[in-house]
N, C-alpha and C. Protein backbone atom coordinates (compact mmCIF):
# COMPACT_ATOMS: atom_id res chain seq x y z
N MET A 1 4.39 24.59 -2.06
CA MET A 1 3.66 24.44 -3.30
C MET A 1 2.54 25.44 -3.43
N ALA A 2 2.20 26.11 -2.39
CA ALA A 2 1.07 27.02 -2.41
C ALA A 2 1.41 28.38 -3.01
N VAL A 3 2.57 28.49 -3.61
CA VAL A 3 2.98 29.75 -4.21
C VAL A 3 2.21 29.96 -5.51
N LYS A 4 1.95 31.20 -5.85
CA LYS A 4 1.28 31.59 -7.10
C LYS A 4 -0.16 31.08 -7.15
N GLY A 5 -0.84 31.12 -6.04
CA GLY A 5 -2.26 30.79 -6.05
C GLY A 5 -2.56 29.33 -6.34
N GLY A 6 -1.64 28.44 -6.09
CA GLY A 6 -1.90 27.03 -6.30
C GLY A 6 -1.71 26.57 -7.73
N SER A 7 -1.13 27.39 -8.58
CA SER A 7 -0.98 27.00 -9.99
C SER A 7 -0.01 25.83 -10.13
N GLU A 8 0.99 25.75 -9.25
CA GLU A 8 1.93 24.63 -9.32
C GLU A 8 1.24 23.32 -8.95
N LEU A 9 0.36 23.41 -7.97
CA LEU A 9 -0.38 22.21 -7.57
C LEU A 9 -1.29 21.74 -8.69
N VAL A 10 -1.97 22.66 -9.33
CA VAL A 10 -2.86 22.30 -10.45
C VAL A 10 -2.05 21.69 -11.58
N LYS A 11 -0.87 22.26 -11.86
CA LYS A 11 -0.01 21.73 -12.91
C LYS A 11 0.44 20.31 -12.58
N TYR A 12 0.84 20.08 -11.34
CA TYR A 12 1.28 18.74 -10.92
C TYR A 12 0.14 17.73 -11.02
N MET A 13 -1.03 18.11 -10.54
CA MET A 13 -2.17 17.21 -10.59
C MET A 13 -2.57 16.89 -12.03
N THR A 14 -2.49 17.88 -12.90
CA THR A 14 -2.80 17.67 -14.31
C THR A 14 -1.82 16.70 -14.94
N GLU A 15 -0.54 16.87 -14.65
CA GLU A 15 0.48 15.96 -15.19
C GLU A 15 0.25 14.53 -14.71
N GLN A 16 -0.07 14.37 -13.44
CA GLN A 16 -0.32 13.03 -12.89
C GLN A 16 -1.56 12.41 -13.54
N PHE A 17 -2.59 13.18 -13.73
CA PHE A 17 -3.82 12.68 -14.33
C PHE A 17 -3.58 12.26 -15.78
N VAL A 18 -2.85 13.08 -16.52
CA VAL A 18 -2.57 12.76 -17.93
C VAL A 18 -1.72 11.50 -18.02
N ALA A 19 -0.72 11.37 -17.15
CA ALA A 19 0.12 10.17 -17.15
C ALA A 19 -0.73 8.94 -16.82
N TYR A 20 -1.65 9.07 -15.90
CA TYR A 20 -2.54 7.96 -15.54
C TYR A 20 -3.43 7.56 -16.72
N MET A 21 -3.98 8.55 -17.39
CA MET A 21 -4.89 8.26 -18.49
C MET A 21 -4.16 7.71 -19.71
N GLU A 22 -2.89 8.03 -19.86
CA GLU A 22 -2.13 7.55 -21.02
C GLU A 22 -1.66 6.11 -20.86
N THR A 23 -1.56 5.62 -19.64
CA THR A 23 -1.15 4.23 -19.45
C THR A 23 -2.32 3.31 -19.76
N PRO A 24 -2.05 2.19 -20.41
CA PRO A 24 -3.12 1.26 -20.74
C PRO A 24 -3.74 0.66 -19.47
N ALA A 25 -4.97 0.23 -19.59
CA ALA A 25 -5.69 -0.32 -18.44
C ALA A 25 -5.01 -1.58 -17.91
N GLU A 26 -4.47 -2.40 -18.80
CA GLU A 26 -3.79 -3.62 -18.37
C GLU A 26 -2.55 -3.30 -17.54
N ALA A 27 -1.80 -2.28 -17.96
CA ALA A 27 -0.60 -1.89 -17.21
C ALA A 27 -0.97 -1.36 -15.84
N ARG A 28 -2.05 -0.59 -15.75
CA ARG A 28 -2.50 -0.08 -14.45
C ARG A 28 -2.93 -1.22 -13.55
N LYS A 29 -3.62 -2.19 -14.12
CA LYS A 29 -4.08 -3.34 -13.34
C LYS A 29 -2.89 -4.16 -12.84
N GLN A 30 -1.89 -4.35 -13.70
CA GLN A 30 -0.69 -5.10 -13.32
C GLN A 30 0.08 -4.36 -12.23
N ASN A 31 0.20 -3.04 -12.34
CA ASN A 31 0.89 -2.26 -11.31
C ASN A 31 0.17 -2.38 -9.97
N LYS A 32 -1.14 -2.34 -10.00
CA LYS A 32 -1.93 -2.45 -8.77
C LYS A 32 -1.74 -3.82 -8.13
N THR A 33 -1.73 -4.87 -8.94
CA THR A 33 -1.56 -6.22 -8.42
C THR A 33 -0.18 -6.42 -7.82
N SER A 34 0.84 -5.90 -8.50
CA SER A 34 2.20 -6.07 -7.97
C SER A 34 2.41 -5.24 -6.70
N ALA A 35 1.77 -4.09 -6.61
CA ALA A 35 1.87 -3.27 -5.40
C ALA A 35 1.19 -3.96 -4.22
N LYS A 36 0.07 -4.63 -4.47
CA LYS A 36 -0.60 -5.37 -3.40
C LYS A 36 0.24 -6.54 -2.93
N ALA A 37 0.91 -7.22 -3.86
CA ALA A 37 1.73 -8.37 -3.50
C ALA A 37 2.95 -7.96 -2.68
N ALA A 38 3.47 -6.78 -2.93
CA ALA A 38 4.66 -6.32 -2.23
C ALA A 38 4.37 -5.74 -0.85
N ARG A 39 3.10 -5.51 -0.56
CA ARG A 39 2.72 -4.89 0.71
C ARG A 39 2.85 -5.89 1.86
N GLU A 40 3.15 -5.38 3.05
CA GLU A 40 3.24 -6.22 4.22
C GLU A 40 1.86 -6.73 4.62
N PRO A 41 1.80 -7.84 5.35
CA PRO A 41 0.50 -8.32 5.84
C PRO A 41 -0.16 -7.28 6.75
N TRP A 42 -1.47 -7.31 6.82
CA TRP A 42 -2.20 -6.29 7.58
C TRP A 42 -1.84 -6.31 9.05
N LEU A 43 -1.56 -7.47 9.60
CA LEU A 43 -1.23 -7.56 11.02
C LEU A 43 0.06 -6.80 11.33
N THR A 44 1.04 -6.93 10.47
CA THR A 44 2.31 -6.23 10.67
C THR A 44 2.13 -4.73 10.45
N ARG A 45 1.35 -4.35 9.46
CA ARG A 45 1.15 -2.92 9.20
C ARG A 45 0.43 -2.23 10.35
N TRP A 46 -0.54 -2.90 10.95
CA TRP A 46 -1.34 -2.27 12.00
C TRP A 46 -0.68 -2.35 13.37
N PHE A 47 -0.08 -3.48 13.68
CA PHE A 47 0.40 -3.69 15.04
C PHE A 47 1.91 -3.88 15.14
N GLY A 48 2.63 -3.88 14.03
CA GLY A 48 4.07 -4.08 14.07
C GLY A 48 4.41 -5.53 14.38
N TRP A 49 5.65 -5.75 14.74
CA TRP A 49 6.10 -7.11 15.01
C TRP A 49 5.56 -7.65 16.32
N GLY A 50 5.13 -6.76 17.21
CA GLY A 50 4.54 -7.22 18.47
C GLY A 50 3.28 -8.03 18.24
N GLY A 51 2.42 -7.57 17.38
CA GLY A 51 1.20 -8.31 17.06
C GLY A 51 1.49 -9.62 16.37
N MET A 52 2.46 -9.60 15.47
CA MET A 52 2.83 -10.81 14.76
C MET A 52 3.40 -11.85 15.73
N SER A 53 4.25 -11.39 16.65
CA SER A 53 4.83 -12.33 17.61
C SER A 53 3.76 -12.89 18.54
N LEU A 54 2.77 -12.08 18.89
CA LEU A 54 1.67 -12.56 19.73
C LEU A 54 0.89 -13.67 19.02
N VAL A 55 0.61 -13.48 17.74
CA VAL A 55 -0.11 -14.51 16.98
C VAL A 55 0.72 -15.79 16.88
N LEU A 56 2.00 -15.67 16.61
CA LEU A 56 2.85 -16.86 16.52
C LEU A 56 2.90 -17.59 17.86
N TRP A 57 3.00 -16.84 18.94
CA TRP A 57 3.01 -17.45 20.26
C TRP A 57 1.70 -18.18 20.52
N TRP A 58 0.57 -17.55 20.17
CA TRP A 58 -0.74 -18.14 20.42
C TRP A 58 -0.92 -19.43 19.61
N ARG A 59 -0.47 -19.43 18.37
CA ARG A 59 -0.58 -20.64 17.53
C ARG A 59 0.27 -21.77 18.10
N GLY A 60 1.48 -21.45 18.54
CA GLY A 60 2.35 -22.46 19.13
C GLY A 60 1.76 -23.01 20.42
N ARG A 61 1.12 -22.15 21.20
CA ARG A 61 0.48 -22.55 22.44
C ARG A 61 -0.66 -23.52 22.16
N ALA A 62 -1.43 -23.24 21.14
CA ALA A 62 -2.56 -24.09 20.79
C ALA A 62 -2.09 -25.46 20.31
N ARG A 63 -0.98 -25.51 19.59
CA ARG A 63 -0.46 -26.78 19.09
C ARG A 63 0.12 -27.63 20.22
N ARG A 64 0.72 -26.98 21.22
CA ARG A 64 1.31 -27.73 22.33
C ARG A 64 0.24 -28.34 23.22
N GLN A 65 -0.95 -27.77 23.27
CA GLN A 65 -2.01 -28.28 24.14
C GLN A 65 -2.67 -29.53 23.57
N ARG A 66 -2.48 -29.80 22.31
CA ARG A 66 -3.11 -30.97 21.68
C ARG A 66 -2.43 -32.25 22.05
């Protein structure tokens, strides 16, 4: 993309900005909310399934001790 002194990059960024500004605020807010809902939980994103399995094991351990 760095060909022609970055003009392609500027063109792309301008197109993205114009598309963003043309969408209504409600639509942007709805897109943001749906993207957050579709995202994986933070534990899985940061530590993978190993962290998730550790938490499940720990919770089960705590319940069995009662």
